[in-house]
Amino acid sequence: MTEKDLDTLFDEAFENANRIPQESVPQDMQLVLYGLYKQATSGKINPIASNNNLDLRNAFKLNAWMQVKHLTIDQAKEEYIAIINQLLKERNL
């Protein structure tokens, strides 16, 4: 898969994610998707910069991102695409 193809598929998956009712996605899966999205779009995590005004919600989000920091940007995009496509399929969207 070429870089452009992956970027296009990732952008389409991000757009399609908006079609999935948020309440139908368990919170742990939402956090996984958040972490993958951040890794796919930002790459390296900077926990010091991300640590400003850390509340519980942001702590969970930061943790989700740290769980996937070992993935390359392309790997994160591929996993994000796969999960979104599976969620769409499960919901017949």
N, C-alpha and C. Protein backbone atom coordinates (compact mmCIF):
# COMPACT_ATOMS: atom_id res chain seq x y z
N MET A 1 0.85 -1.17 0.00
CA MET A 1 0.00 0.00 0.00
C MET A 1 0.89 1.23 0.00
N THR A 2 0.59 2.18 -0.87
CA THR A 2 1.40 3.39 -0.92
C THR A 2 0.99 4.34 0.19
N GLU A 3 1.87 5.28 0.48
CA GLU A 3 1.61 6.25 1.54
C GLU A 3 0.32 7.02 1.27
N LYS A 4 0.12 7.42 0.02
CA LYS A 4 -1.08 8.19 -0.31
C LYS A 4 -2.33 7.35 -0.11
N ASP A 5 -2.28 6.08 -0.50
CA ASP A 5 -3.43 5.21 -0.30
C ASP A 5 -3.77 5.09 1.18
N LEU A 6 -2.78 4.90 2.01
CA LEU A 6 -3.01 4.76 3.44
C LEU A 6 -3.58 6.05 4.02
N ASP A 7 -3.04 7.19 3.61
CA ASP A 7 -3.54 8.47 4.10
C ASP A 7 -4.99 8.69 3.67
N THR A 8 -5.31 8.33 2.45
CA THR A 8 -6.68 8.46 1.95
C THR A 8 -7.62 7.56 2.74
N LEU A 9 -7.23 6.31 2.95
CA LEU A 9 -8.06 5.38 3.72
C LEU A 9 -8.23 5.85 5.16
N PHE A 10 -7.18 6.41 5.73
CA PHE A 10 -7.25 6.93 7.10
C PHE A 10 -8.22 8.10 7.17
N ASP A 11 -8.12 9.02 6.22
CA ASP A 11 -9.03 10.17 6.20
C ASP A 11 -10.48 9.72 6.03
N GLU A 12 -10.70 8.73 5.18
CA GLU A 12 -12.05 8.19 4.99
C GLU A 12 -12.56 7.53 6.27
N ALA A 13 -11.69 6.79 6.95
CA ALA A 13 -12.09 6.14 8.20
C ALA A 13 -12.44 7.19 9.25
N PHE A 14 -11.67 8.27 9.31
CA PHE A 14 -11.97 9.33 10.27
C PHE A 14 -13.33 9.96 9.97
N GLU A 15 -13.60 10.21 8.71
CA GLU A 15 -14.91 10.75 8.32
C GLU A 15 -16.03 9.76 8.65
N ASN A 16 -15.80 8.49 8.37
CA ASN A 16 -16.81 7.46 8.64
C ASN A 16 -17.05 7.27 10.13
N ALA A 17 -16.06 7.57 10.95
CA ALA A 17 -16.22 7.43 12.39
C ALA A 17 -17.35 8.31 12.90
N ASN A 18 -17.59 9.43 12.23
CA ASN A 18 -18.66 10.33 12.63
C ASN A 18 -20.04 9.72 12.41
N ARG A 19 -20.14 8.69 11.58
CA ARG A 19 -21.41 8.03 11.32
C ARG A 19 -21.78 7.04 12.42
N ILE A 20 -20.81 6.68 13.23
CA ILE A 20 -21.03 5.69 14.28
C ILE A 20 -21.54 6.41 15.53
N PRO A 21 -22.73 6.03 16.02
CA PRO A 21 -23.22 6.67 17.25
C PRO A 21 -22.23 6.45 18.41
N GLN A 22 -21.80 7.53 19.01
CA GLN A 22 -20.78 7.44 20.06
C GLN A 22 -21.22 6.54 21.21
N GLU A 23 -22.51 6.60 21.55
CA GLU A 23 -22.98 5.79 22.67
C GLU A 23 -22.96 4.29 22.38
N SER A 24 -22.81 3.93 21.10
CA SER A 24 -22.77 2.51 20.74
C SER A 24 -21.36 1.93 20.82
N VAL A 25 -20.39 2.78 21.09
CA VAL A 25 -18.99 2.33 21.17
C VAL A 25 -18.57 2.36 22.64
N PRO A 26 -18.16 1.21 23.18
CA PRO A 26 -17.73 1.19 24.58
C PRO A 26 -16.60 2.20 24.83
N GLN A 27 -16.57 2.73 26.03
CA GLN A 27 -15.58 3.75 26.35
C GLN A 27 -14.15 3.27 26.20
N ASP A 28 -13.89 1.99 26.50
CA ASP A 28 -12.53 1.49 26.34
C ASP A 28 -12.13 1.48 24.87
N MET A 29 -13.09 1.19 23.97
CA MET A 29 -12.80 1.23 22.54
C MET A 29 -12.62 2.66 22.06
N GLN A 30 -13.39 3.59 22.62
CA GLN A 30 -13.21 5.00 22.28
C GLN A 30 -11.80 5.46 22.64
N LEU A 31 -11.30 4.99 23.78
CA LEU A 31 -9.95 5.37 24.19
C LEU A 31 -8.90 4.75 23.27
N VAL A 32 -9.11 3.51 22.86
CA VAL A 32 -8.19 2.88 21.91
C VAL A 32 -8.15 3.68 20.62
N LEU A 33 -9.31 4.05 20.12
CA LEU A 33 -9.38 4.84 18.88
C LEU A 33 -8.69 6.19 19.06
N TYR A 34 -8.89 6.81 20.21
CA TYR A 34 -8.24 8.09 20.49
C TYR A 34 -6.72 7.93 20.45
N GLY A 35 -6.22 6.92 21.14
CA GLY A 35 -4.78 6.69 21.17
C GLY A 35 -4.21 6.44 19.78
N LEU A 36 -4.91 5.61 19.01
CA LEU A 36 -4.45 5.32 17.65
C LEU A 36 -4.48 6.58 16.78
N TYR A 37 -5.54 7.37 16.92
CA TYR A 37 -5.64 8.60 16.13
C TYR A 37 -4.49 9.55 16.48
N LYS A 38 -4.24 9.74 17.77
CA LYS A 38 -3.16 10.63 18.18
C LYS A 38 -1.80 10.13 17.69
N GLN A 39 -1.58 8.83 17.78
CA GLN A 39 -0.31 8.27 17.31
C GLN A 39 -0.20 8.43 15.80
N ALA A 40 -1.30 8.21 15.10
CA ALA A 40 -1.30 8.30 13.63
C ALA A 40 -1.10 9.72 13.14
N THR A 41 -1.58 10.70 13.90
CA THR A 41 -1.49 12.08 13.43
C THR A 41 -0.35 12.87 14.06
N SER A 42 0.13 12.43 15.23
CA SER A 42 1.16 13.19 15.92
C SER A 42 2.48 12.45 16.08
N GLY A 43 2.42 11.13 16.03
CA GLY A 43 3.65 10.35 16.20
C GLY A 43 4.11 10.34 17.63
N LYS A 44 5.29 10.84 17.87
CA LYS A 44 5.90 10.78 19.21
C LYS A 44 5.10 11.57 20.23
N ILE A 45 4.93 10.95 21.38
CA ILE A 45 4.20 11.57 22.47
C ILE A 45 5.15 12.39 23.33
N ASN A 46 4.67 13.52 23.80
CA ASN A 46 5.44 14.36 24.70
C ASN A 46 4.62 14.50 25.98
N PRO A 47 4.78 13.56 26.92
CA PRO A 47 3.93 13.56 28.12
C PRO A 47 4.06 14.81 28.97
N ILE A 48 5.19 15.47 28.93
CA ILE A 48 5.35 16.70 29.72
C ILE A 48 4.44 17.79 29.16
N ALA A 49 4.44 17.95 27.85
CA ALA A 49 3.58 18.95 27.24
C ALA A 49 2.11 18.56 27.38
N SER A 50 1.82 17.27 27.39
CA SER A 50 0.45 16.79 27.49
C SER A 50 -0.05 16.76 28.92
N ASN A 51 0.79 17.08 29.87
CA ASN A 51 0.46 16.91 31.28
C ASN A 51 -0.15 18.17 31.92
N ASN A 52 -0.33 19.24 31.16
CA ASN A 52 -0.87 20.48 31.71
C ASN A 52 -2.32 20.28 32.13
N ASN A 53 -2.67 20.76 33.32
CA ASN A 53 -4.04 20.69 33.84
C ASN A 53 -4.63 19.29 33.68
N LEU A 54 -3.89 18.30 34.07
CA LEU A 54 -4.30 16.90 33.90
C LEU A 54 -5.45 16.56 34.83
N ASP A 55 -6.61 16.24 34.25
CA ASP A 55 -7.71 15.74 35.05
C ASP A 55 -7.87 14.25 34.72
N LEU A 56 -8.85 13.61 35.32
CA LEU A 56 -9.00 12.16 35.15
C LEU A 56 -9.25 11.78 33.69
N ARG A 57 -10.10 12.53 33.01
CA ARG A 57 -10.40 12.23 31.60
C ARG A 57 -9.14 12.32 30.75
N ASN A 58 -8.40 13.39 30.93
CA ASN A 58 -7.16 13.56 30.16
C ASN A 58 -6.12 12.51 30.53
N ALA A 59 -6.14 12.06 31.78
CA ALA A 59 -5.20 11.01 32.19
C ALA A 59 -5.50 9.72 31.43
N PHE A 60 -6.78 9.38 31.30
CA PHE A 60 -7.15 8.19 30.54
C PHE A 60 -6.77 8.34 29.07
N LYS A 61 -6.98 9.52 28.51
CA LYS A 61 -6.63 9.75 27.11
C LYS A 61 -5.12 9.64 26.89
N LEU A 62 -4.36 10.23 27.80
CA LEU A 62 -2.90 10.16 27.70
C LEU A 62 -2.43 8.71 27.82
N ASN A 63 -3.03 7.97 28.73
CA ASN A 63 -2.69 6.57 28.91
C ASN A 63 -3.00 5.77 27.64
N ALA A 64 -4.14 6.05 27.02
CA ALA A 64 -4.51 5.34 25.78
C ALA A 64 -3.47 5.59 24.70
N TRP A 65 -2.98 6.82 24.62
CA TRP A 65 -1.96 7.15 23.62
C TRP A 65 -0.65 6.46 23.96
N MET A 66 -0.30 6.45 25.22
CA MET A 66 0.96 5.81 25.62
C MET A 66 0.94 4.31 25.35
N GLN A 67 -0.25 3.69 25.40
CA GLN A 67 -0.38 2.26 25.14
C GLN A 67 -0.01 1.90 23.69
N VAL A 68 -0.11 2.87 22.78
CA VAL A 68 0.17 2.58 21.36
C VAL A 68 1.39 3.35 20.84
N LYS A 69 2.17 3.92 21.75
CA LYS A 69 3.31 4.73 21.31
C LYS A 69 4.38 3.90 20.60
N HIS A 70 4.35 2.59 20.78
CA HIS A 70 5.32 1.71 20.12
C HIS A 70 5.01 1.53 18.63
N LEU A 71 3.80 1.89 18.21
CA LEU A 71 3.41 1.73 16.81
C LEU A 71 3.98 2.85 15.96
N THR A 72 4.31 2.53 14.71
CA THR A 72 4.67 3.58 13.77
C THR A 72 3.40 4.32 13.38
N ILE A 73 3.56 5.45 12.75
CA ILE A 73 2.40 6.22 12.28
C ILE A 73 1.57 5.36 11.33
N ASP A 74 2.21 4.66 10.42
CA ASP A 74 1.48 3.82 9.47
C ASP A 74 0.75 2.67 10.16
N GLN A 75 1.38 2.06 11.14
CA GLN A 75 0.73 0.97 11.88
C GLN A 75 -0.49 1.48 12.63
N ALA A 76 -0.37 2.66 13.23
CA ALA A 76 -1.51 3.24 13.95
C ALA A 76 -2.65 3.54 12.99
N LYS A 77 -2.32 4.05 11.82
CA LYS A 77 -3.36 4.32 10.81
C LYS A 77 -4.05 3.03 10.39
N GLU A 78 -3.27 1.99 10.15
CA GLU A 78 -3.84 0.71 9.72
C GLU A 78 -4.78 0.14 10.79
N GLU A 79 -4.37 0.21 12.05
CA GLU A 79 -5.21 -0.33 13.13
C GLU A 79 -6.48 0.51 13.29
N TYR A 80 -6.35 1.82 13.18
CA TYR A 80 -7.50 2.72 13.29
C TYR A 80 -8.51 2.40 12.18
N ILE A 81 -8.02 2.27 10.96
CA ILE A 81 -8.88 1.95 9.82
C ILE A 81 -9.60 0.63 10.05
N ALA A 82 -8.88 -0.38 10.50
CA ALA A 82 -9.47 -1.71 10.71
C ALA A 82 -10.58 -1.66 11.76
N ILE A 83 -10.34 -0.94 12.85
CA ILE A 83 -11.35 -0.87 13.91
C ILE A 83 -12.58 -0.11 13.44
N ILE A 84 -12.39 1.02 12.78
CA ILE A 84 -13.53 1.79 12.29
C ILE A 84 -14.33 0.97 11.29
N ASN A 85 -13.66 0.28 10.38
CA ASN A 85 -14.36 -0.54 9.40
C ASN A 85 -15.14 -1.67 10.08
N GLN A 86 -14.57 -2.26 11.13
CA GLN A 86 -15.27 -3.31 11.87
C GLN A 86 -16.50 -2.75 12.59
N LEU A 87 -16.36 -1.58 13.20
CA LEU A 87 -17.49 -0.95 13.89
C LEU A 87 -18.61 -0.62 12.90
N LEU A 88 -18.25 -0.13 11.72
CA LEU A 88 -19.25 0.18 10.70
C LEU A 88 -19.98 -1.08 10.26
N LYS A 89 -19.22 -2.15 10.06
CA LYS A 89 -19.79 -3.42 9.64
C LYS A 89 -20.75 -3.97 10.70
N GLU A 90 -20.32 -3.94 11.96
CA GLU A 90 -21.15 -4.46 13.06
C GLU A 90 -22.46 -3.68 13.20
N ARG A 91 -22.45 -2.41 12.81
CA ARG A 91 -23.62 -1.56 12.95
C ARG A 91 -24.39 -1.40 11.63
N ASN A 92 -23.97 -2.13 10.62
CA ASN A 92 -24.60 -2.09 9.30
C ASN A 92 -24.67 -0.67 8.74
N LEU A 93 -23.58 0.06 8.90
CA LEU A 93 -23.52 1.43 8.39
C LEU A 93 -22.73 1.50 7.11
